[in-house]
N, C-alpha and C. Protein backbone atom coordinates (compact mmCIF):
# COMPACT_ATOMS: atom_id res chain seq x y z
N MET A 1 221.12 38.01 -43.65
CA MET A 1 222.07 39.09 -43.80
C MET A 1 223.20 38.62 -44.72
N ALA A 2 223.52 39.41 -45.72
CA ALA A 2 224.56 39.06 -46.69
C ALA A 2 225.95 39.17 -46.06
N LYS A 3 226.82 38.24 -46.43
CA LYS A 3 228.19 38.26 -45.94
C LYS A 3 228.97 39.34 -46.69
N GLN A 4 229.68 40.19 -45.94
CA GLN A 4 230.47 41.26 -46.55
C GLN A 4 231.80 40.70 -47.03
N ILE A 5 232.18 41.07 -48.26
CA ILE A 5 233.44 40.62 -48.84
C ILE A 5 234.57 41.50 -48.32
N GLU A 6 235.65 40.88 -47.86
CA GLU A 6 236.84 41.61 -47.45
C GLU A 6 237.51 42.14 -48.71
N MET A 7 237.59 43.46 -48.85
CA MET A 7 238.11 44.06 -50.07
C MET A 7 239.63 44.26 -50.05
N VAL A 8 240.22 44.48 -48.89
CA VAL A 8 241.66 44.71 -48.82
C VAL A 8 242.39 43.49 -49.37
N GLY A 9 243.29 43.74 -50.32
CA GLY A 9 244.05 42.67 -50.95
C GLY A 9 243.44 42.19 -52.26
N GLN A 10 242.19 42.56 -52.54
CA GLN A 10 241.53 42.14 -53.78
C GLN A 10 242.04 42.96 -54.96
N ARG A 11 242.14 42.33 -56.13
CA ARG A 11 242.43 43.07 -57.37
C ARG A 11 241.11 43.53 -57.92
N ILE A 12 241.03 44.81 -58.31
CA ILE A 12 239.78 45.35 -58.82
C ILE A 12 240.02 46.08 -60.15
N LYS A 13 238.89 46.33 -60.83
CA LYS A 13 238.89 47.16 -62.03
C LYS A 13 237.78 48.18 -61.84
N ALA A 14 238.12 49.46 -61.99
CA ALA A 14 237.12 50.52 -61.91
C ALA A 14 236.30 50.51 -63.20
N PHE A 15 235.00 50.79 -63.09
CA PHE A 15 234.15 50.75 -64.28
C PHE A 15 233.07 51.83 -64.21
N GLY A 16 232.26 51.87 -65.23
CA GLY A 16 231.10 52.77 -65.25
C GLY A 16 231.48 54.24 -65.24
N LYS A 17 230.83 55.00 -64.36
CA LYS A 17 231.02 56.44 -64.30
C LYS A 17 232.21 56.86 -63.44
N SER A 18 232.99 55.90 -63.00
CA SER A 18 234.16 56.21 -62.18
C SER A 18 235.15 57.06 -62.98
N LEU A 19 235.73 58.04 -62.33
CA LEU A 19 236.77 58.87 -62.93
C LEU A 19 237.93 58.01 -63.42
N HIS A 20 238.13 56.86 -62.79
CA HIS A 20 239.25 55.97 -63.10
C HIS A 20 238.81 54.73 -63.87
N SER A 21 237.68 54.81 -64.56
CA SER A 21 237.13 53.67 -65.29
C SER A 21 238.17 53.02 -66.20
N GLY A 22 238.26 51.70 -66.11
CA GLY A 22 239.21 50.93 -66.92
C GLY A 22 240.53 50.65 -66.22
N GLN A 23 240.81 51.36 -65.14
CA GLN A 23 242.07 51.15 -64.42
C GLN A 23 241.96 49.97 -63.47
N THR A 24 243.06 49.26 -63.28
CA THR A 24 243.11 48.13 -62.37
C THR A 24 244.12 48.37 -61.27
N GLY A 25 243.97 47.63 -60.20
CA GLY A 25 244.91 47.75 -59.09
C GLY A 25 244.49 46.87 -57.93
N THR A 26 245.20 47.02 -56.83
CA THR A 26 244.96 46.24 -55.63
C THR A 26 244.47 47.15 -54.51
N VAL A 27 243.41 46.72 -53.83
CA VAL A 27 242.84 47.49 -52.72
C VAL A 27 243.80 47.43 -51.54
N ILE A 28 244.21 48.61 -51.05
CA ILE A 28 245.08 48.62 -49.87
C ILE A 28 244.35 49.14 -48.63
N ALA A 29 243.20 49.82 -48.83
CA ALA A 29 242.41 50.31 -47.70
C ALA A 29 240.95 50.41 -48.11
N ASP A 30 240.07 50.08 -47.17
CA ASP A 30 238.63 50.15 -47.38
C ASP A 30 238.07 51.16 -46.38
N TYR A 31 237.58 52.30 -46.90
CA TYR A 31 237.06 53.36 -46.04
C TYR A 31 235.53 53.34 -45.97
N GLY A 32 234.92 52.20 -46.23
CA GLY A 32 233.47 52.10 -46.20
C GLY A 32 232.89 52.27 -47.58
N THR A 33 232.73 53.52 -48.02
CA THR A 33 232.18 53.75 -49.36
C THR A 33 233.27 53.97 -50.41
N MET A 34 234.49 54.23 -49.97
CA MET A 34 235.60 54.47 -50.89
C MET A 34 236.71 53.45 -50.65
N LEU A 35 237.39 53.09 -51.74
CA LEU A 35 238.51 52.16 -51.67
C LEU A 35 239.78 52.87 -52.13
N MET A 36 240.89 52.66 -51.43
CA MET A 36 242.19 53.16 -51.85
C MET A 36 242.86 52.05 -52.65
N ILE A 37 243.24 52.39 -53.90
CA ILE A 37 243.77 51.41 -54.83
C ILE A 37 245.21 51.72 -55.19
N LYS A 38 246.09 50.71 -55.13
CA LYS A 38 247.46 50.85 -55.64
C LYS A 38 247.39 50.50 -57.12
N ALA A 39 247.67 51.46 -57.96
CA ALA A 39 247.53 51.29 -59.41
C ALA A 39 248.49 50.25 -59.96
N ASP A 40 247.99 49.41 -60.86
CA ASP A 40 248.85 48.47 -61.58
C ASP A 40 249.74 49.23 -62.55
N ASP A 41 249.19 50.26 -63.19
CA ASP A 41 249.91 51.07 -64.17
C ASP A 41 250.51 52.28 -63.47
N GLU A 42 251.82 52.19 -63.17
CA GLU A 42 252.51 53.26 -62.44
C GLU A 42 252.55 54.58 -63.23
N SER A 43 252.32 54.52 -64.54
CA SER A 43 252.37 55.73 -65.35
C SER A 43 250.99 56.39 -65.50
N TYR A 44 249.96 55.82 -64.88
CA TYR A 44 248.60 56.38 -64.96
C TYR A 44 248.59 57.78 -64.34
N THR A 45 248.25 58.78 -65.14
CA THR A 45 248.32 60.18 -64.69
C THR A 45 247.20 60.55 -63.72
N GLY A 46 246.16 59.74 -63.61
CA GLY A 46 245.08 60.01 -62.68
C GLY A 46 245.39 59.54 -61.27
N ALA A 47 246.49 58.84 -61.09
CA ALA A 47 246.91 58.37 -59.77
C ALA A 47 247.94 59.34 -59.20
N SER A 48 248.14 59.26 -57.91
CA SER A 48 249.12 60.14 -57.28
C SER A 48 249.88 59.39 -56.20
N LYS A 49 250.99 59.98 -55.78
CA LYS A 49 251.81 59.39 -54.72
C LYS A 49 251.12 59.62 -53.38
N SER A 50 251.39 58.73 -52.44
CA SER A 50 250.86 58.86 -51.09
C SER A 50 252.04 58.87 -50.13
N THR A 51 252.04 59.81 -49.22
CA THR A 51 253.14 59.96 -48.27
C THR A 51 253.39 58.66 -47.51
N GLY A 52 254.63 58.22 -47.52
CA GLY A 52 255.03 57.03 -46.80
C GLY A 52 254.80 55.72 -47.52
N LEU A 53 254.21 55.78 -48.71
CA LEU A 53 253.96 54.57 -49.48
C LEU A 53 254.65 54.63 -50.83
N GLU A 54 255.05 53.48 -51.35
CA GLU A 54 255.66 53.43 -52.67
C GLU A 54 254.57 53.20 -53.70
N GLY A 55 254.73 53.75 -54.87
CA GLY A 55 253.79 53.53 -55.96
C GLY A 55 252.80 54.66 -56.14
N GLU A 56 251.85 54.44 -57.04
CA GLU A 56 250.81 55.41 -57.37
C GLU A 56 249.46 54.87 -56.90
N TYR A 57 248.59 55.78 -56.42
CA TYR A 57 247.33 55.38 -55.82
C TYR A 57 246.19 56.24 -56.33
N PHE A 58 244.97 55.67 -56.30
CA PHE A 58 243.76 56.42 -56.59
C PHE A 58 242.63 55.85 -55.76
N GLN A 59 241.53 56.61 -55.63
CA GLN A 59 240.39 56.15 -54.86
C GLN A 59 239.20 55.91 -55.79
N VAL A 60 238.42 54.89 -55.45
CA VAL A 60 237.25 54.50 -56.24
C VAL A 60 236.08 54.25 -55.29
N ASP A 61 234.90 54.71 -55.69
CA ASP A 61 233.67 54.38 -54.97
C ASP A 61 233.51 52.87 -55.02
N ASN A 62 233.18 52.25 -53.89
CA ASN A 62 233.10 50.79 -53.86
C ASN A 62 232.00 50.23 -54.78
N LEU A 63 231.03 51.05 -55.16
CA LEU A 63 229.98 50.60 -56.08
C LEU A 63 230.45 50.59 -57.54
N LEU A 64 231.60 51.24 -57.81
CA LEU A 64 232.13 51.33 -59.17
C LEU A 64 233.42 50.53 -59.33
N ALA A 65 233.57 49.50 -58.49
CA ALA A 65 234.75 48.63 -58.56
C ALA A 65 234.30 47.19 -58.59
N LYS A 66 234.84 46.41 -59.51
CA LYS A 66 234.52 45.00 -59.53
C LYS A 66 235.79 44.19 -59.33
N ILE A 67 235.65 43.10 -58.59
CA ILE A 67 236.77 42.21 -58.31
C ILE A 67 237.11 41.48 -59.59
N ILE A 68 238.41 41.42 -59.90
CA ILE A 68 238.85 40.68 -61.07
C ILE A 68 239.70 39.50 -60.62
N LYS A 69 239.60 38.45 -61.36
CA LYS A 69 240.38 37.24 -61.06
C LYS A 69 241.76 37.40 -61.70
N HIS A 70 242.69 36.56 -61.28
CA HIS A 70 244.02 36.59 -61.86
C HIS A 70 243.92 36.34 -63.36
N GLU A 71 244.55 37.20 -64.14
CA GLU A 71 244.51 37.08 -65.59
C GLU A 71 245.73 36.31 -66.06
N THR A 72 245.54 35.42 -67.01
CA THR A 72 246.67 34.68 -67.56
C THR A 72 247.23 35.43 -68.76
N VAL A 73 248.53 35.33 -68.93
CA VAL A 73 249.19 36.04 -70.03
C VAL A 73 249.31 35.13 -71.23
């Protein structure tokens, strides 16, 4: 049996056929097949505010999100 990766707290990038393809952010909730992402780009128009939380958020199918490592500047 494969070990399941804990997604909450991971930095991801949406890709492929995702509505949010190319966007990056941090997973704040894992709903099984969907992930709630806090957007890195606060000006991204495809994200929206969530009641009680600061910042902009969007959801991504977990099959269309890949974990990204810390990027150096």
